[in-house]
């Protein structure tokens, strides 16, 4: 949503799509899991009285909207993209199936995964770790509001320390909230390094992949 309070900020979508296009043009296969918090957060809806499972499904549908927007902008920029949803919404995009997703990657398409895992009570982090394992990804990039993992929330604690590199065990021992527990366990079990970086800087995705800029790598 960029600087907006809600919804899609066109310039921000264009910038992120351009970053993805640059990475794909460099020869790197890209699969993206999008969230939906700019439109609706399931946990927030549950707090406001909506049944938690229903609220989570509403959040999944919000991610479909974001995925379609990102896919359309990528295509307009000349980068081939395929949106796949864990929920069956075949009128607007493909339903996720691992063999078909792997073929899309082999053909050089950018994959955009929507609707999380397709199940309530699981976060977008968990969906990202699950799809990374299923696709055999070399790394899982977590785009956030800050430039890495800190000892505390840097927005609340000015003395918070940023880490350049951590092992999975160190992150667990220090109780650092890199990802939610299920997602972190999946990444750790499958030995997929997690690179945490800020999405706010132009070209941040490529920089994170090349080991440039500011980020935190959490790995085996």
Protein backbone atom coordinates (compact mmCIF):
# COMPACT_ATOMS: atom_id res chain seq x y z
CA UNK A 1 0.00 0.00 0.00
CA UNK A 2 3.05 2.27 0.03
CA UNK A 3 2.38 5.56 1.83
CA UNK A 4 -1.37 5.05 1.52
CA UNK A 5 -3.50 3.95 4.46
CA UNK A 6 -5.28 1.20 2.55
CA UNK A 7 -5.35 -0.68 -0.73
CA UNK A 8 -2.88 -0.56 -3.61
CA UNK A 9 -0.43 2.30 -4.21
CA UNK A 10 0.28 2.09 -7.98
CA UNK A 11 3.80 3.57 -7.84
CA UNK A 12 4.83 1.11 -5.12
CA UNK A 13 3.43 -1.86 -7.05
CA UNK A 14 5.30 -0.68 -10.15
CA UNK A 15 8.57 -0.33 -8.21
CA UNK A 16 8.34 -3.77 -6.63
CA UNK A 17 7.41 -5.32 -9.97
CA UNK A 18 10.40 -3.60 -11.58
CA UNK A 19 12.69 -5.05 -8.90
CA UNK A 20 11.28 -8.52 -9.60
CA UNK A 21 11.68 -8.02 -13.35
CA UNK A 22 15.34 -7.07 -12.90
CA UNK A 23 16.00 -10.16 -10.81
CA UNK A 24 14.28 -12.46 -13.31
CA UNK A 25 16.18 -10.84 -16.20
CA UNK A 26 19.44 -11.69 -14.41
CA UNK A 27 18.59 -15.38 -14.73
CA UNK A 28 17.26 -16.05 -11.24
CA UNK A 29 14.06 -18.08 -10.91
CA UNK A 30 11.51 -16.19 -8.81
CA UNK A 31 8.47 -17.36 -6.86
CA UNK A 32 6.55 -14.85 -4.74
CA UNK A 33 4.10 -15.29 -1.89
CA UNK A 34 2.01 -12.16 -1.35
CA UNK A 35 0.11 -11.09 1.75
CA UNK A 36 -3.13 -9.18 1.98
CA UNK A 37 -2.72 -6.91 4.99
CA UNK A 38 -3.16 -3.78 2.88
CA UNK A 39 -6.75 -4.91 2.27
CA UNK A 40 -7.73 -7.23 5.12
CA UNK A 41 -5.95 -9.09 7.93
CA UNK A 42 -7.63 -12.24 9.19
CA UNK A 43 -6.42 -11.87 12.75
CA UNK A 44 -7.68 -8.28 12.84
CA UNK A 45 -11.05 -9.34 11.52
CA UNK A 46 -11.23 -12.02 14.23
CA UNK A 47 -10.50 -9.39 16.87
CA UNK A 48 -13.45 -7.41 15.57
CA UNK A 49 -15.83 -10.31 16.07
CA UNK A 50 -15.67 -12.21 12.77
CA UNK A 51 -15.19 -15.96 13.14
CA UNK A 52 -11.43 -16.61 12.91
CA UNK A 53 -11.61 -19.16 10.11
CA UNK A 54 -13.94 -16.93 8.08
CA UNK A 55 -11.69 -13.95 8.69
CA UNK A 56 -8.66 -15.91 7.50
CA UNK A 57 -10.46 -16.90 4.30
CA UNK A 58 -11.29 -13.25 3.73
CA UNK A 59 -7.60 -12.44 4.16
CA UNK A 60 -6.70 -15.14 1.62
CA UNK A 61 -9.03 -13.54 -0.93
CA UNK A 62 -7.29 -10.21 -0.30
CA UNK A 63 -3.98 -11.86 -1.27
CA UNK A 64 -5.55 -13.02 -4.55
CA UNK A 65 -6.35 -9.40 -5.37
CA UNK A 66 -2.75 -8.35 -4.64
CA UNK A 67 -1.34 -11.25 -6.64
CA UNK A 68 -3.46 -10.38 -9.68
CA UNK A 69 -2.33 -6.75 -9.47
CA UNK A 70 1.35 -7.68 -9.24
CA UNK A 71 1.04 -10.21 -12.05
CA UNK A 72 -0.65 -7.69 -14.34
CA UNK A 73 2.05 -5.07 -13.74
CA UNK A 74 4.83 -7.63 -14.34
CA UNK A 75 3.25 -8.65 -17.63
CA UNK A 76 2.93 -5.00 -18.64
CA UNK A 77 6.64 -4.59 -17.93
CA UNK A 78 7.42 -7.53 -20.23
CA UNK A 79 8.03 -10.14 -17.53
CA UNK A 80 5.97 -13.30 -17.90
CA UNK A 81 4.07 -14.13 -14.68
CA UNK A 82 1.63 -16.80 -13.54
CA UNK A 83 -0.69 -16.38 -10.55
CA UNK A 84 -1.61 -19.57 -8.69
CA UNK A 85 -4.08 -19.65 -5.82
CA UNK A 86 -4.32 -22.21 -3.01
CA UNK A 87 -8.07 -21.56 -3.08
CA UNK A 88 -9.98 -22.53 -6.20
CA UNK A 89 -10.84 -19.27 -7.97
CA UNK A 90 -10.33 -20.65 -11.46
CA UNK A 91 -12.30 -17.86 -13.09
CA UNK A 92 -9.45 -15.43 -12.32
CA UNK A 93 -6.27 -17.52 -11.96
CA UNK A 94 -4.88 -21.04 -11.84
CA UNK A 95 -5.41 -23.27 -8.82
CA UNK A 96 -2.08 -24.23 -7.23
CA UNK A 97 -0.69 -27.63 -8.21
CA UNK A 98 2.98 -28.36 -7.56
CA UNK A 99 3.80 -30.14 -10.88
CA UNK A 100 2.30 -27.28 -12.90
CA UNK A 101 4.07 -24.70 -10.75
CA UNK A 102 7.42 -26.41 -11.33
CA UNK A 103 6.80 -26.39 -15.08
CA UNK A 104 6.04 -22.67 -14.96
CA UNK A 105 9.38 -22.09 -13.22
CA UNK A 106 11.20 -24.22 -15.78
CA UNK A 107 9.71 -22.07 -18.54
CA UNK A 108 11.01 -18.89 -16.89
CA UNK A 109 7.71 -17.49 -15.61
CA UNK A 110 7.62 -15.55 -12.35
CA UNK A 111 5.33 -17.48 -10.02
CA UNK A 112 2.98 -15.56 -7.74
CA UNK A 113 1.36 -17.67 -5.04
CA UNK A 114 -1.91 -16.39 -3.59
CA UNK A 115 -4.30 -17.47 -0.80
CA UNK A 116 -1.55 -18.60 1.57
CA UNK A 117 -1.65 -22.33 2.23
CA UNK A 118 -5.39 -22.41 1.53
CA UNK A 119 -6.06 -23.14 5.20
CA UNK A 120 -7.14 -20.85 8.05
CA UNK A 121 -4.86 -20.37 11.07
CA UNK A 122 -1.67 -20.43 8.93
CA UNK A 123 0.23 -17.24 8.18
CA UNK A 124 1.71 -15.93 4.95
CA UNK A 125 5.14 -16.68 6.45
CA UNK A 126 4.20 -20.34 6.70
CA UNK A 127 2.90 -20.32 3.13
CA UNK A 128 6.21 -18.83 1.95
CA UNK A 129 8.29 -21.45 3.77
CA UNK A 130 6.05 -24.24 2.49
CA UNK A 131 6.21 -23.10 -1.14
CA UNK A 132 9.98 -22.55 -0.87
CA UNK A 133 10.38 -26.17 0.23
CA UNK A 134 8.00 -27.48 -2.45
CA UNK A 135 9.72 -25.52 -5.23
CA UNK A 136 13.22 -26.49 -4.06
CA UNK A 137 14.21 -22.86 -3.60
CA UNK A 138 17.80 -21.95 -2.70
CA UNK A 139 16.70 -19.15 -0.36
CA UNK A 140 13.63 -17.56 1.18
CA UNK A 141 13.58 -13.76 1.08
CA UNK A 142 11.38 -12.08 3.67
CA UNK A 143 10.59 -8.51 2.65
CA UNK A 144 9.72 -6.44 5.73
CA UNK A 145 9.47 -2.91 7.09
CA UNK A 146 13.02 -2.98 8.52
CA UNK A 147 16.45 -3.84 7.12
CA UNK A 148 17.01 -7.11 8.95
CA UNK A 149 16.58 -8.91 12.26
CA UNK A 150 17.06 -6.90 15.44
CA UNK A 151 17.41 -7.82 19.10
CA UNK A 152 14.24 -5.77 19.71
CA UNK A 153 11.82 -3.68 17.69
CA UNK A 154 14.04 -0.83 16.40
CA UNK A 155 11.00 1.44 16.09
CA UNK A 156 10.41 1.14 19.83
CA UNK A 157 13.95 0.53 21.15
CA UNK A 158 16.70 2.80 19.77
CA UNK A 159 19.35 0.56 21.40
CA UNK A 160 18.23 -2.52 19.42
CA UNK A 161 21.09 -4.38 17.74
CA UNK A 162 20.88 -5.49 14.11
CA UNK A 163 22.37 -8.84 13.15
CA UNK A 164 24.12 -9.46 9.83
CA UNK A 165 24.05 -13.26 10.12
CA UNK A 166 22.48 -15.77 12.50
CA UNK A 167 22.12 -19.52 12.66
CA UNK A 168 18.65 -21.00 13.11
CA UNK A 169 19.72 -22.15 16.57
CA UNK A 170 20.92 -18.66 17.55
CA UNK A 171 17.65 -17.10 16.41
CA UNK A 172 15.69 -19.61 18.48
CA UNK A 173 17.92 -19.26 21.55
CA UNK A 174 17.59 -15.46 21.48
CA UNK A 175 13.84 -15.69 20.84
CA UNK A 176 14.13 -13.44 17.78
CA UNK A 177 10.86 -13.17 15.90
CA UNK A 178 12.24 -13.83 12.41
CA UNK A 179 9.07 -15.61 11.28
CA UNK A 180 6.24 -17.36 13.00
CA UNK A 181 7.08 -20.70 14.63
CA UNK A 182 5.64 -22.99 11.94
CA UNK A 183 7.37 -21.10 9.12
CA UNK A 184 10.70 -21.01 10.93
CA UNK A 185 10.50 -24.75 11.66
CA UNK A 186 9.86 -25.48 7.97
CA UNK A 187 12.80 -23.37 6.82
CA UNK A 188 15.08 -24.88 9.44
CA UNK A 189 14.05 -28.47 8.69
CA UNK A 190 14.61 -27.99 4.95
CA UNK A 191 17.83 -26.00 5.46
CA UNK A 192 16.54 -23.03 3.48
CA UNK A 193 18.33 -19.80 4.47
CA UNK A 194 16.03 -16.87 5.27
CA UNK A 195 17.15 -13.41 4.12
CA UNK A 196 15.35 -10.59 5.92
CA UNK A 197 15.50 -7.15 4.25
CA UNK A 198 13.52 -3.94 3.82
CA UNK A 199 11.23 -3.74 0.81
CA UNK A 200 11.25 0.07 0.91
CA UNK A 201 14.54 0.57 -0.96
CA UNK A 202 14.59 0.44 -4.77
CA UNK A 203 16.41 -2.63 -6.17
CA UNK A 204 16.29 -4.19 -2.68
CA UNK A 205 15.35 -7.67 -3.91
CA UNK A 206 18.33 -7.95 -6.24
CA UNK A 207 20.65 -6.51 -3.61
CA UNK A 208 19.49 -9.10 -1.08
CA UNK A 209 20.10 -11.93 -3.54
CA UNK A 210 23.60 -10.64 -4.34
CA UNK A 211 24.47 -10.21 -0.66
CA UNK A 212 24.63 -6.44 -1.00
CA UNK A 213 22.87 -3.75 1.02
CA UNK A 214 21.58 -4.27 4.55
CA UNK A 215 19.94 -7.55 5.45
CA UNK A 216 20.13 -10.42 7.90
CA UNK A 217 20.79 -13.98 6.75
CA UNK A 218 19.44 -16.71 9.01
CA UNK A 219 20.63 -20.14 7.99
CA UNK A 220 21.89 -23.60 8.94
